[in-house]
Amino acid sequence: MGRSSTADTSATASPAVTAMPSNASEFPPLDEAKESELKGQLEAEPDNVGLLRDLGKLYFDSGLYQDAVVQFDKALQLAPDDVEVLLSLGVAEYSLNNYAAAEQHWLRATEVAPDLPEPWYNLGFLYMAQTPPDYEGVERAWGKVVEVAPESELAQTAAAHLERFRASSSSATPGG
């Protein structure tokens, strides 16, 4: 464990923290031994952002989104510019259909690390999930993924999503 509690704003902070639906209907059971270990370490180091992130991820991976939000929120209080925490908290909130909170965290991540594609990618899903979809928001967010990381796999995926989105939105809008 032994992670630093300093904010991590590097572009490699969390390459896989995205809101892309996983279509997972089953979650692995909570690793109670790991949970106990992390809680014990947190008793000794309650301000350790890395431990809080790890516990949040453990809960998230088991589908315990509200428990994950609690841990990520504690980490965010200690490290408000930690991109990995902002992304993870946003994904947990998104998973709970708390779209306004997810948007707030991801927008903050874009301020802290404007060249990181993950928050923009996530925002595209969020804007598409709204009723009705925020077409301009989707275009802006996924277009930004392609702009900031044009050679990345995430950009290729975002471009494909944009293409499908444009096709479906043009047939769904009057006169399109």
N, C-alpha and C. Protein backbone atom coordinates (compact mmCIF):
# COMPACT_ATOMS: atom_id res chain seq x y z
N MET A 1 0.85 -1.17 0.00
CA MET A 1 0.00 0.00 0.00
C MET A 1 0.89 1.23 0.00
N GLY A 2 1.09 1.88 1.12
CA GLY A 2 2.04 2.96 1.28
C GLY A 2 1.98 4.06 0.26
N ARG A 3 0.81 4.35 -0.28
CA ARG A 3 0.71 5.42 -1.26
C ARG A 3 0.80 6.78 -0.58
N SER A 4 1.32 7.71 -1.31
CA SER A 4 1.43 9.08 -0.81
C SER A 4 0.05 9.71 -0.76
N SER A 5 -0.13 10.65 0.12
CA SER A 5 -1.41 11.35 0.21
C SER A 5 -1.38 12.65 -0.58
N THR A 6 -0.38 12.83 -1.42
CA THR A 6 -0.32 14.04 -2.22
C THR A 6 -1.23 13.90 -3.43
N ALA A 7 -1.69 15.02 -3.95
CA ALA A 7 -2.58 15.01 -5.10
C ALA A 7 -1.84 14.48 -6.32
N ASP A 8 -2.54 13.68 -7.09
CA ASP A 8 -1.98 13.12 -8.31
C ASP A 8 -2.71 13.75 -9.49
N THR A 9 -2.04 14.60 -10.22
CA THR A 9 -2.66 15.25 -11.36
C THR A 9 -2.00 14.85 -12.66
N SER A 10 -1.24 13.79 -12.64
CA SER A 10 -0.55 13.37 -13.86
C SER A 10 -1.55 12.81 -14.86
N ALA A 11 -1.18 12.86 -16.11
CA ALA A 11 -2.06 12.38 -17.16
C ALA A 11 -2.25 10.87 -17.10
N THR A 12 -1.44 10.19 -16.32
CA THR A 12 -1.59 8.74 -16.19
C THR A 12 -2.23 8.38 -14.86
N ALA A 13 -2.89 9.33 -14.23
CA ALA A 13 -3.45 9.11 -12.91
C ALA A 13 -4.39 7.91 -12.88
N SER A 14 -5.25 7.78 -13.86
CA SER A 14 -6.20 6.69 -13.83
C SER A 14 -6.73 6.42 -15.22
N PRO A 15 -5.98 5.71 -16.02
CA PRO A 15 -6.38 5.54 -17.41
C PRO A 15 -7.66 4.75 -17.62
N ALA A 16 -8.15 4.04 -16.61
CA ALA A 16 -9.32 3.21 -16.83
C ALA A 16 -10.54 3.66 -16.05
N VAL A 17 -10.55 4.84 -15.51
CA VAL A 17 -11.69 5.30 -14.73
C VAL A 17 -12.65 6.01 -15.66
N THR A 18 -13.52 5.22 -16.30
CA THR A 18 -14.48 5.79 -17.23
C THR A 18 -15.88 5.33 -16.88
N ALA A 19 -16.84 6.08 -17.36
CA ALA A 19 -18.24 5.78 -17.08
C ALA A 19 -18.86 4.88 -18.13
N MET A 20 -18.05 4.40 -19.04
CA MET A 20 -18.59 3.54 -20.09
C MET A 20 -19.30 2.36 -19.44
N PRO A 21 -20.56 2.12 -19.81
CA PRO A 21 -21.29 1.02 -19.19
C PRO A 21 -20.57 -0.30 -19.39
N SER A 22 -20.46 -1.05 -18.33
CA SER A 22 -19.77 -2.34 -18.41
C SER A 22 -20.73 -3.47 -18.70
N ASN A 23 -22.03 -3.21 -18.55
CA ASN A 23 -23.06 -4.23 -18.74
C ASN A 23 -22.86 -5.42 -17.81
N ALA A 24 -22.16 -5.19 -16.72
CA ALA A 24 -21.94 -6.25 -15.74
C ALA A 24 -23.19 -6.39 -14.88
N SER A 25 -23.79 -7.56 -14.90
CA SER A 25 -24.98 -7.77 -14.10
C SER A 25 -24.63 -8.40 -12.75
N GLU A 26 -23.44 -8.93 -12.65
CA GLU A 26 -23.01 -9.53 -11.39
C GLU A 26 -21.68 -8.92 -10.98
N PHE A 27 -21.54 -8.76 -9.70
CA PHE A 27 -20.30 -8.21 -9.16
C PHE A 27 -19.63 -9.26 -8.31
N PRO A 28 -18.31 -9.22 -8.26
CA PRO A 28 -17.64 -10.15 -7.35
C PRO A 28 -18.01 -9.80 -5.91
N PRO A 29 -18.04 -10.81 -5.06
CA PRO A 29 -18.35 -10.51 -3.65
C PRO A 29 -17.26 -9.63 -3.05
N LEU A 30 -17.65 -8.86 -2.07
CA LEU A 30 -16.70 -8.00 -1.38
C LEU A 30 -15.62 -8.86 -0.73
N ASP A 31 -14.38 -8.51 -0.96
CA ASP A 31 -13.25 -9.18 -0.33
C ASP A 31 -13.16 -8.63 1.09
N GLU A 32 -13.80 -9.34 2.01
CA GLU A 32 -13.89 -8.85 3.39
C GLU A 32 -12.54 -8.80 4.08
N ALA A 33 -11.64 -9.70 3.72
CA ALA A 33 -10.30 -9.67 4.31
C ALA A 33 -9.57 -8.40 3.88
N LYS A 34 -9.68 -8.07 2.60
CA LYS A 34 -9.04 -6.85 2.08
C LYS A 34 -9.69 -5.62 2.70
N GLU A 35 -11.02 -5.64 2.83
CA GLU A 35 -11.73 -4.52 3.46
C GLU A 35 -11.24 -4.32 4.89
N SER A 36 -11.12 -5.41 5.63
CA SER A 36 -10.66 -5.34 7.01
C SER A 36 -9.23 -4.81 7.09
N GLU A 37 -8.38 -5.27 6.17
CA GLU A 37 -7.00 -4.81 6.13
C GLU A 37 -6.94 -3.30 5.87
N LEU A 38 -7.69 -2.84 4.87
CA LEU A 38 -7.68 -1.41 4.54
C LEU A 38 -8.24 -0.57 5.68
N LYS A 39 -9.32 -1.04 6.30
CA LYS A 39 -9.90 -0.30 7.43
C LYS A 39 -8.91 -0.22 8.59
N GLY A 40 -8.18 -1.31 8.83
CA GLY A 40 -7.17 -1.30 9.88
C GLY A 40 -6.06 -0.30 9.59
N GLN A 41 -5.62 -0.27 8.34
CA GLN A 41 -4.59 0.69 7.95
C GLN A 41 -5.11 2.12 8.07
N LEU A 42 -6.39 2.32 7.74
CA LEU A 42 -6.97 3.66 7.83
C LEU A 42 -7.12 4.12 9.28
N GLU A 43 -7.29 3.17 10.20
CA GLU A 43 -7.33 3.56 11.61
C GLU A 43 -6.00 4.17 12.02
N ALA A 44 -4.91 3.62 11.50
CA ALA A 44 -3.58 4.14 11.81
C ALA A 44 -3.25 5.39 11.00
N GLU A 45 -3.79 5.47 9.78
CA GLU A 45 -3.51 6.60 8.88
C GLU A 45 -4.81 7.12 8.27
N PRO A 46 -5.65 7.78 9.07
CA PRO A 46 -6.97 8.20 8.57
C PRO A 46 -6.92 9.21 7.43
N ASP A 47 -5.80 9.89 7.25
CA ASP A 47 -5.68 10.90 6.19
C ASP A 47 -4.92 10.39 4.97
N ASN A 48 -4.79 9.08 4.83
CA ASN A 48 -4.07 8.50 3.70
C ASN A 48 -5.01 8.40 2.50
N VAL A 49 -4.84 9.30 1.55
CA VAL A 49 -5.70 9.36 0.37
C VAL A 49 -5.63 8.06 -0.43
N GLY A 50 -4.46 7.49 -0.56
CA GLY A 50 -4.31 6.24 -1.31
C GLY A 50 -5.12 5.11 -0.70
N LEU A 51 -5.11 5.00 0.62
CA LEU A 51 -5.90 3.96 1.28
C LEU A 51 -7.40 4.21 1.09
N LEU A 52 -7.81 5.46 1.19
CA LEU A 52 -9.22 5.79 0.98
C LEU A 52 -9.65 5.46 -0.45
N ARG A 53 -8.78 5.77 -1.42
CA ARG A 53 -9.06 5.43 -2.82
C ARG A 53 -9.18 3.92 -2.98
N ASP A 54 -8.24 3.19 -2.37
CA ASP A 54 -8.26 1.73 -2.49
C ASP A 54 -9.53 1.13 -1.89
N LEU A 55 -9.95 1.64 -0.75
CA LEU A 55 -11.18 1.14 -0.13
C LEU A 55 -12.39 1.50 -0.99
N GLY A 56 -12.39 2.71 -1.52
CA GLY A 56 -13.47 3.11 -2.43
C GLY A 56 -13.54 2.21 -3.65
N LYS A 57 -12.38 1.90 -4.23
CA LYS A 57 -12.34 1.01 -5.41
C LYS A 57 -12.82 -0.39 -5.06
N LEU A 58 -12.43 -0.86 -3.88
CA LEU A 58 -12.87 -2.19 -3.44
C LEU A 58 -14.40 -2.23 -3.38
N TYR A 59 -15.00 -1.21 -2.78
CA TYR A 59 -16.46 -1.15 -2.70
C TYR A 59 -17.07 -1.02 -4.10
N PHE A 60 -16.50 -0.14 -4.91
CA PHE A 60 -17.03 0.07 -6.26
C PHE A 60 -17.03 -1.22 -7.06
N ASP A 61 -15.91 -1.93 -7.03
CA ASP A 61 -15.78 -3.17 -7.80
C ASP A 61 -16.78 -4.24 -7.36
N SER A 62 -17.29 -4.12 -6.14
CA SER A 62 -18.28 -5.06 -5.63
C SER A 62 -19.70 -4.53 -5.81
N GLY A 63 -19.84 -3.40 -6.50
CA GLY A 63 -21.16 -2.83 -6.74
C GLY A 63 -21.73 -2.06 -5.57
N LEU A 64 -20.90 -1.78 -4.57
CA LEU A 64 -21.33 -1.03 -3.39
C LEU A 64 -21.04 0.45 -3.62
N TYR A 65 -21.80 1.04 -4.54
CA TYR A 65 -21.50 2.39 -5.00
C TYR A 65 -21.61 3.45 -3.91
N GLN A 66 -22.63 3.34 -3.07
CA GLN A 66 -22.78 4.36 -2.02
C GLN A 66 -21.61 4.29 -1.04
N ASP A 67 -21.17 3.10 -0.69
CA ASP A 67 -20.00 2.96 0.18
C ASP A 67 -18.76 3.52 -0.50
N ALA A 68 -18.66 3.31 -1.81
CA ALA A 68 -17.53 3.85 -2.57
C ALA A 68 -17.55 5.37 -2.53
N VAL A 69 -18.74 5.96 -2.72
CA VAL A 69 -18.86 7.42 -2.69
C VAL A 69 -18.36 7.98 -1.36
N VAL A 70 -18.71 7.32 -0.28
CA VAL A 70 -18.29 7.80 1.05
C VAL A 70 -16.76 7.85 1.13
N GLN A 71 -16.10 6.79 0.68
CA GLN A 71 -14.64 6.75 0.76
C GLN A 71 -13.99 7.75 -0.19
N PHE A 72 -14.49 7.81 -1.43
CA PHE A 72 -13.93 8.76 -2.39
C PHE A 72 -14.15 10.20 -1.92
N ASP A 73 -15.29 10.45 -1.30
CA ASP A 73 -15.56 11.81 -0.81
C ASP A 73 -14.59 12.18 0.31
N LYS A 74 -14.30 11.23 1.19
CA LYS A 74 -13.30 11.48 2.25
C LYS A 74 -11.95 11.82 1.62
N ALA A 75 -11.57 11.07 0.60
CA ALA A 75 -10.30 11.31 -0.08
C ALA A 75 -10.30 12.68 -0.74
N LEU A 76 -11.43 13.05 -1.33
CA LEU A 76 -11.53 14.34 -2.01
C LEU A 76 -11.41 15.50 -1.03
N GLN A 77 -11.92 15.32 0.17
CA GLN A 77 -11.79 16.37 1.19
C GLN A 77 -10.32 16.62 1.52
N LEU A 78 -9.54 15.56 1.48
CA LEU A 78 -8.11 15.67 1.80
C LEU A 78 -7.28 16.12 0.60
N ALA A 79 -7.71 15.77 -0.59
CA ALA A 79 -6.94 16.07 -1.81
C ALA A 79 -7.91 16.52 -2.91
N PRO A 80 -8.38 17.77 -2.83
CA PRO A 80 -9.42 18.23 -3.75
C PRO A 80 -9.01 18.27 -5.22
N ASP A 81 -7.72 18.21 -5.52
CA ASP A 81 -7.26 18.22 -6.90
C ASP A 81 -6.74 16.87 -7.38
N ASP A 82 -7.03 15.82 -6.65
CA ASP A 82 -6.59 14.48 -7.03
C ASP A 82 -7.48 13.98 -8.17
N VAL A 83 -6.93 13.91 -9.35
CA VAL A 83 -7.70 13.56 -10.55
C VAL A 83 -8.30 12.16 -10.44
N GLU A 84 -7.53 11.21 -9.92
CA GLU A 84 -8.05 9.85 -9.81
C GLU A 84 -9.27 9.82 -8.89
N VAL A 85 -9.22 10.56 -7.79
CA VAL A 85 -10.35 10.62 -6.87
C VAL A 85 -11.54 11.29 -7.56
N LEU A 86 -11.30 12.39 -8.26
CA LEU A 86 -12.39 13.08 -8.96
C LEU A 86 -13.05 12.17 -9.98
N LEU A 87 -12.24 11.45 -10.75
CA LEU A 87 -12.80 10.54 -11.75
C LEU A 87 -13.57 9.40 -11.09
N SER A 88 -12.98 8.80 -10.07
CA SER A 88 -13.61 7.66 -9.40
C SER A 88 -14.91 8.06 -8.71
N LEU A 89 -14.89 9.21 -8.05
CA LEU A 89 -16.09 9.69 -7.38
C LEU A 89 -17.18 9.97 -8.41
N GLY A 90 -16.79 10.56 -9.54
CA GLY A 90 -17.76 10.80 -10.60
C GLY A 90 -18.38 9.53 -11.13
N VAL A 91 -17.56 8.51 -11.35
CA VAL A 91 -18.08 7.23 -11.86
C VAL A 91 -19.01 6.58 -10.84
N ALA A 92 -18.67 6.65 -9.56
CA ALA A 92 -19.54 6.09 -8.53
C ALA A 92 -20.87 6.85 -8.48
N GLU A 93 -20.82 8.17 -8.54
CA GLU A 93 -22.05 8.97 -8.55
C GLU A 93 -22.88 8.67 -9.80
N TYR A 94 -22.23 8.56 -10.94
CA TYR A 94 -22.91 8.22 -12.19
C TYR A 94 -23.62 6.88 -12.05
N SER A 95 -22.95 5.92 -11.43
CA SER A 95 -23.52 4.59 -11.24
C SER A 95 -24.74 4.61 -10.34
N LEU A 96 -24.85 5.64 -9.50
CA LEU A 96 -26.01 5.82 -8.63
C LEU A 96 -27.05 6.74 -9.28
N ASN A 97 -26.83 7.10 -10.54
CA ASN A 97 -27.70 8.04 -11.27
C ASN A 97 -27.71 9.44 -10.67
N ASN A 98 -26.66 9.78 -9.94
CA ASN A 98 -26.48 11.13 -9.40
C ASN A 98 -25.70 11.94 -10.43
N TYR A 99 -26.36 12.24 -11.54
CA TYR A 99 -25.68 12.84 -12.68
C TYR A 99 -25.12 14.23 -12.38
N ALA A 100 -25.83 15.04 -11.62
CA ALA A 100 -25.33 16.39 -11.32
C ALA A 100 -24.02 16.31 -10.53
N ALA A 101 -23.95 15.40 -9.57
CA ALA A 101 -22.72 15.25 -8.78
C ALA A 101 -21.60 14.71 -9.66
N ALA A 102 -21.90 13.73 -10.50
CA ALA A 102 -20.89 13.17 -11.40
C ALA A 102 -20.34 14.27 -12.31
N GLU A 103 -21.24 15.06 -12.88
CA GLU A 103 -20.80 16.14 -13.77
C GLU A 103 -19.89 17.12 -13.04
N GLN A 104 -20.25 17.47 -11.81
CA GLN A 104 -19.43 18.40 -11.02
C GLN A 104 -18.00 17.86 -10.85
N HIS A 105 -17.87 16.59 -10.51
CA HIS A 105 -16.54 16.02 -10.28
C HIS A 105 -15.74 15.91 -11.58
N TRP A 106 -16.40 15.52 -12.65
CA TRP A 106 -15.68 15.39 -13.92
C TRP A 106 -15.29 16.74 -14.49
N LEU A 107 -16.16 17.74 -14.34
CA LEU A 107 -15.79 19.09 -14.80
C LEU A 107 -14.60 19.60 -14.00
N ARG A 108 -14.57 19.32 -12.71
CA ARG A 108 -13.42 19.72 -11.89
C ARG A 108 -12.16 19.01 -12.39
N ALA A 109 -12.28 17.75 -12.74
CA ALA A 109 -11.13 17.01 -13.27
C ALA A 109 -10.62 17.64 -14.56
N THR A 110 -11.53 18.18 -15.39
CA THR A 110 -11.09 18.83 -16.63
C THR A 110 -10.35 20.13 -16.33
N GLU A 111 -10.67 20.76 -15.21
CA GLU A 111 -9.96 21.98 -14.82
C GLU A 111 -8.56 21.64 -14.30
N VAL A 112 -8.47 20.58 -13.51
CA VAL A 112 -7.20 20.18 -12.91
C VAL A 112 -6.26 19.58 -13.95
N ALA A 113 -6.80 18.78 -14.85
CA ALA A 113 -5.99 18.10 -15.88
C ALA A 113 -6.70 18.22 -17.23
N PRO A 114 -6.65 19.40 -17.85
CA PRO A 114 -7.42 19.64 -19.07
C PRO A 114 -7.05 18.75 -20.25
N ASP A 115 -5.85 18.19 -20.26
CA ASP A 115 -5.43 17.34 -21.37
C ASP A 115 -5.66 15.85 -21.12
N LEU A 116 -6.33 15.52 -20.04
CA LEU A 116 -6.65 14.12 -19.74
C LEU A 116 -7.98 13.77 -20.41
N PRO A 117 -8.04 12.73 -21.23
CA PRO A 117 -9.27 12.45 -21.97
C PRO A 117 -10.40 11.81 -21.14
N GLU A 118 -10.08 11.12 -20.06
CA GLU A 118 -11.10 10.36 -19.32
C GLU A 118 -12.28 11.20 -18.83
N PRO A 119 -12.05 12.37 -18.22
CA PRO A 119 -13.23 13.10 -17.76
C PRO A 119 -14.12 13.55 -18.92
N TRP A 120 -13.52 13.91 -20.04
CA TRP A 120 -14.30 14.31 -21.21
C TRP A 120 -15.10 13.11 -21.74
N TYR A 121 -14.48 11.96 -21.76
CA TYR A 121 -15.14 10.73 -22.22
C TYR A 121 -16.36 10.45 -21.34
N ASN A 122 -16.15 10.54 -20.03
CA ASN A 122 -17.24 10.30 -19.09
C ASN A 122 -18.36 11.30 -19.27
N LEU A 123 -18.00 12.57 -19.46
CA LEU A 123 -19.01 13.61 -19.65
C LEU A 123 -19.87 13.33 -20.88
N GLY A 124 -19.27 12.77 -21.93
CA GLY A 124 -20.05 12.41 -23.11
C GLY A 124 -21.16 11.43 -22.77
N PHE A 125 -20.85 10.41 -21.97
CA PHE A 125 -21.88 9.45 -21.56
C PHE A 125 -22.93 10.12 -20.70
N LEU A 126 -22.49 10.98 -19.81
CA LEU A 126 -23.44 11.68 -18.94
C LEU A 126 -24.41 12.52 -19.76
N TYR A 127 -23.89 13.28 -20.71
CA TYR A 127 -24.76 14.13 -21.53
C TYR A 127 -25.69 13.31 -22.41
N MET A 128 -25.25 12.14 -22.83
CA MET A 128 -26.09 11.27 -23.63
C MET A 128 -27.18 10.63 -22.77
N ALA A 129 -26.90 10.41 -21.48
CA ALA A 129 -27.85 9.76 -20.59
C ALA A 129 -28.98 10.68 -20.14
N GLN A 130 -28.81 11.98 -20.35
CA GLN A 130 -29.84 12.92 -19.93
C GLN A 130 -31.09 12.76 -20.79
N THR A 131 -32.22 13.16 -20.23
CA THR A 131 -33.48 13.10 -20.96
C THR A 131 -34.02 14.51 -21.09
N PRO A 132 -34.06 15.06 -22.31
CA PRO A 132 -33.50 14.51 -23.54
C PRO A 132 -31.98 14.63 -23.53
N PRO A 133 -31.31 13.90 -24.40
CA PRO A 133 -29.85 14.01 -24.44
C PRO A 133 -29.40 15.43 -24.75
N ASP A 134 -28.28 15.81 -24.16
CA ASP A 134 -27.67 17.11 -24.43
C ASP A 134 -26.74 16.92 -25.63
N TYR A 135 -27.29 17.10 -26.82
CA TYR A 135 -26.54 16.84 -28.05
C TYR A 135 -25.28 17.69 -28.14
N GLU A 136 -25.38 18.96 -27.79
CA GLU A 136 -24.21 19.83 -27.84
C GLU A 136 -23.15 19.39 -26.84
N GLY A 137 -23.60 18.98 -25.65
CA GLY A 137 -22.67 18.50 -24.63
C GLY A 137 -21.93 17.25 -25.07
N VAL A 138 -22.65 16.32 -25.70
CA VAL A 138 -22.03 15.09 -26.20
C VAL A 138 -20.97 15.43 -27.25
N GLU A 139 -21.33 16.28 -28.20
CA GLU A 139 -20.39 16.69 -29.25
C GLU A 139 -19.14 17.34 -28.64
N ARG A 140 -19.37 18.24 -27.70
CA ARG A 140 -18.26 18.96 -27.07
C ARG A 140 -17.35 18.00 -26.30
N ALA A 141 -17.95 17.13 -25.49
CA ALA A 141 -17.16 16.24 -24.63
C ALA A 141 -16.38 15.22 -25.44
N TRP A 142 -17.06 14.48 -26.30
CA TRP A 142 -16.35 13.45 -27.06
C TRP A 142 -15.41 14.06 -28.10
N GLY A 143 -15.77 15.24 -28.61
CA GLY A 143 -14.86 15.94 -29.51
C GLY A 143 -13.58 16.33 -28.79
N LYS A 144 -13.70 16.68 -27.52
CA LYS A 144 -12.53 17.04 -26.71
C LYS A 144 -11.63 15.83 -26.48
N VAL A 145 -12.20 14.65 -26.32
CA VAL A 145 -11.39 13.44 -26.17
C VAL A 145 -10.49 13.28 -27.39
N VAL A 146 -11.08 13.42 -28.56
CA VAL A 146 -10.32 13.28 -29.81
C VAL A 146 -9.27 14.38 -29.92
N GLU A 147 -9.61 15.58 -29.46
CA GLU A 147 -8.68 16.71 -29.52
C GLU A 147 -7.48 16.52 -28.60
N VAL A 148 -7.71 16.09 -27.36
CA VAL A 148 -6.61 16.05 -26.38
C VAL A 148 -5.77 14.78 -26.48
N ALA A 149 -6.33 13.71 -27.02
CA ALA A 149 -5.57 12.45 -27.11
C ALA A 149 -5.89 11.75 -28.43
N PRO A 150 -5.57 12.39 -29.56
CA PRO A 150 -6.02 11.90 -30.87
C PRO A 150 -5.55 10.49 -31.22
N GLU A 151 -4.42 10.07 -30.72
CA GLU A 151 -3.89 8.75 -31.07
C GLU A 151 -4.31 7.65 -30.09
N SER A 152 -5.05 8.01 -29.06
CA SER A 152 -5.38 7.04 -28.02
C SER A 152 -6.54 6.14 -28.43
N GLU A 153 -6.60 5.00 -27.78
CA GLU A 153 -7.71 4.07 -27.98
C GLU A 153 -9.01 4.72 -27.53
N LEU A 154 -8.94 5.52 -26.46
CA LEU A 154 -10.13 6.22 -25.97
C LEU A 154 -10.66 7.18 -27.03
N ALA A 155 -9.77 7.87 -27.73
CA ALA A 155 -10.19 8.79 -28.79
C ALA A 155 -10.85 8.03 -29.94
N GLN A 156 -10.30 6.88 -30.28
CA GLN A 156 -10.91 6.07 -31.34
C GLN A 156 -12.31 5.63 -30.94
N THR A 157 -12.45 5.23 -29.69
CA THR A 157 -13.76 4.81 -29.19
C THR A 157 -14.72 5.99 -29.17
N ALA A 158 -14.25 7.15 -28.68
CA ALA A 158 -15.10 8.34 -28.64
C ALA A 158 -15.52 8.75 -30.04
N ALA A 159 -14.61 8.68 -31.00
CA ALA A 159 -14.94 9.03 -32.38
C ALA A 159 -16.02 8.09 -32.93
N ALA A 160 -15.90 6.81 -32.62
CA ALA A 160 -16.92 5.85 -33.07
C ALA A 160 -18.26 6.14 -32.41
N HIS A 161 -18.24 6.45 -31.11
CA HIS A 161 -19.48 6.82 -30.40
C HIS A 161 -20.09 8.07 -31.04
N LEU A 162 -19.24 9.05 -31.33
CA LEU A 162 -19.72 10.29 -31.94
C LEU A 162 -20.38 10.01 -33.28
N GLU A 163 -19.77 9.17 -34.07
CA GLU A 163 -20.33 8.84 -35.39
C GLU A 163 -21.71 8.21 -35.24
N ARG A 164 -21.84 7.23 -34.34
CA ARG A 164 -23.14 6.59 -34.10
C ARG A 164 -24.13 7.59 -33.52
N PHE A 165 -23.65 8.43 -32.60
CA PHE A 165 -24.51 9.41 -31.96
C PHE A 165 -25.04 10.40 -33.00
N ARG A 166 -24.17 10.86 -33.88
CA ARG A 166 -24.60 11.81 -34.92
C ARG A 166 -25.64 11.17 -35.83
N ALA A 167 -25.43 9.92 -36.17
CA ALA A 167 -26.38 9.22 -37.04
C ALA A 167 -27.74 9.08 -36.36
N SER A 168 -27.72 8.70 -35.08
CA SER A 168 -28.99 8.51 -34.37
C SER A 168 -29.65 9.84 -34.05
N SER A 169 -28.87 10.87 -33.73
CA SER A 169 -29.48 12.16 -33.38
C SER A 169 -30.03 12.86 -34.61
N SER A 170 -29.42 12.66 -35.77
CA SER A 170 -29.94 13.31 -36.98
C SER A 170 -31.26 12.68 -37.40
N SER A 171 -31.42 11.39 -37.13
CA SER A 171 -32.69 10.75 -37.47
C SER A 171 -33.75 10.99 -36.40
N ALA A 172 -33.31 11.42 -35.20
CA ALA A 172 -34.25 11.64 -34.10
C ALA A 172 -34.70 13.09 -34.00
N THR A 173 -34.02 14.00 -34.69
CA THR A 173 -34.38 15.41 -34.60
C THR A 173 -35.20 15.80 -35.81
N PRO A 174 -36.18 16.67 -35.63
CA PRO A 174 -37.01 17.11 -36.77
C PRO A 174 -36.14 17.74 -37.85
N GLY A 175 -36.41 17.38 -39.07
CA GLY A 175 -35.68 17.94 -40.20
C GLY A 175 -34.31 17.34 -40.39
N GLY A 176 -33.92 16.30 -39.58
CA GLY A 176 -32.58 15.73 -39.65
C GLY A 176 -32.54 14.58 -40.49
